[in-house]
Amino acid sequence: MKLLAVIAVVGLVIYGISNTIEIPFATGWNILTTSLFCFAFTKARLISGPEGWGSSLHKSLTNATQHLHLSVQITLK
């Protein structure tokens, strides 16, 4: 459980850095960190159960990451 939280935090830091500093491969980092968010919080939700601590956090992050995926896809096209 702690490992999943660490993965999510590291992903958030990388995502923030890649958006702050315009790295040429930032789009790749955004896709990678979004995938890490989805993986980590989905696993956290499965571990804690549908009514556990992760459910509302999971829903809000899922909505945010889906929006980010759409933004990245539109940017790539």
Protein backbone atom coordinates (compact mmCIF):
# COMPACT_ATOMS: atom_id res chain seq x y z
CA MET A 1 0.00 0.00 0.00
CA LYS A 2 2.82 2.40 0.87
CA LEU A 3 4.57 1.47 -2.37
CA LEU A 4 1.50 2.51 -4.36
CA ALA A 5 1.43 5.86 -2.59
CA VAL A 6 5.14 6.35 -3.32
CA ILE A 7 4.58 5.51 -7.00
CA ALA A 8 1.75 8.05 -7.18
CA VAL A 9 3.77 10.78 -5.47
CA VAL A 10 6.83 10.16 -7.67
CA GLY A 11 4.56 10.27 -10.71
CA LEU A 12 3.07 13.56 -9.52
CA VAL A 13 6.54 15.07 -9.00
CA ILE A 14 7.72 13.95 -12.45
CA TYR A 15 4.52 15.26 -14.00
CA GLY A 16 4.93 18.63 -12.28
CA ILE A 17 8.58 18.93 -13.31
CA SER A 18 7.85 17.97 -16.91
CA ASN A 19 5.12 20.62 -17.10
CA THR A 20 7.19 23.32 -15.39
CA ILE A 21 10.36 22.76 -17.39
CA GLU A 22 9.55 22.34 -21.04
CA ILE A 23 11.34 19.08 -21.66
CA PRO A 24 11.29 17.94 -25.31
CA PHE A 25 9.98 14.51 -24.32
CA ALA A 26 7.48 15.87 -21.76
CA THR A 27 4.54 14.29 -23.59
CA GLY A 28 6.07 10.87 -23.04
CA TRP A 29 6.54 11.63 -19.34
CA ASN A 30 2.92 12.83 -19.09
CA ILE A 31 1.63 9.60 -20.58
CA LEU A 32 3.89 7.55 -18.29
CA THR A 33 2.91 9.41 -15.12
CA THR A 34 -0.79 9.30 -16.02
CA SER A 35 -0.52 5.55 -16.40
CA LEU A 36 1.23 5.33 -13.03
CA PHE A 37 -1.56 7.37 -11.39
CA CYS A 38 -4.25 5.13 -12.87
CA PHE A 39 -2.41 1.96 -11.85
CA ALA A 40 -1.55 3.06 -8.32
CA PHE A 41 -4.94 4.44 -7.36
CA THR A 42 -6.88 1.62 -9.00
CA LYS A 43 -4.85 -0.86 -6.97
CA ALA A 44 -5.33 1.24 -3.83
CA ARG A 45 -9.07 1.26 -4.41
CA LEU A 46 -9.17 -2.50 -4.98
CA ILE A 47 -7.21 -3.08 -1.78
CA SER A 48 -9.34 -0.73 0.32
CA GLY A 49 -12.63 -1.83 -1.22
CA PRO A 50 -15.31 0.20 -3.03
CA GLU A 51 -16.28 2.09 0.14
CA GLY A 52 -12.74 2.50 1.43
CA TRP A 53 -10.53 5.56 1.70
CA GLY A 54 -9.48 5.39 -1.91
CA SER A 55 -12.90 5.47 -3.58
CA SER A 56 -13.55 9.23 -3.75
CA LEU A 57 -9.88 9.97 -4.38
CA HIS A 58 -9.87 7.34 -7.10
CA LYS A 59 -12.94 8.84 -8.80
CA SER A 60 -11.54 12.36 -8.84
CA LEU A 61 -8.12 11.23 -10.05
CA THR A 62 -9.65 8.98 -12.69
CA ASN A 63 -11.65 11.92 -14.06
CA ALA A 64 -8.55 14.11 -14.03
CA THR A 65 -6.37 11.51 -15.73
CA GLN A 66 -9.01 10.80 -18.38
CA HIS A 67 -9.09 14.51 -19.16
CA LEU A 68 -5.28 14.54 -19.32
CA HIS A 69 -5.28 11.54 -21.67
CA LEU A 70 -7.71 13.35 -23.98
CA SER A 71 -5.55 16.48 -23.88
CA VAL A 72 -2.43 14.48 -24.75
CA GLN A 73 -4.23 12.63 -27.56
CA ILE A 74 -5.52 15.88 -29.05
CA THR A 75 -2.04 17.43 -28.76
CA LEU A 76 -0.43 14.44 -30.48
CA LYS A 77 -2.90 14.56 -33.39
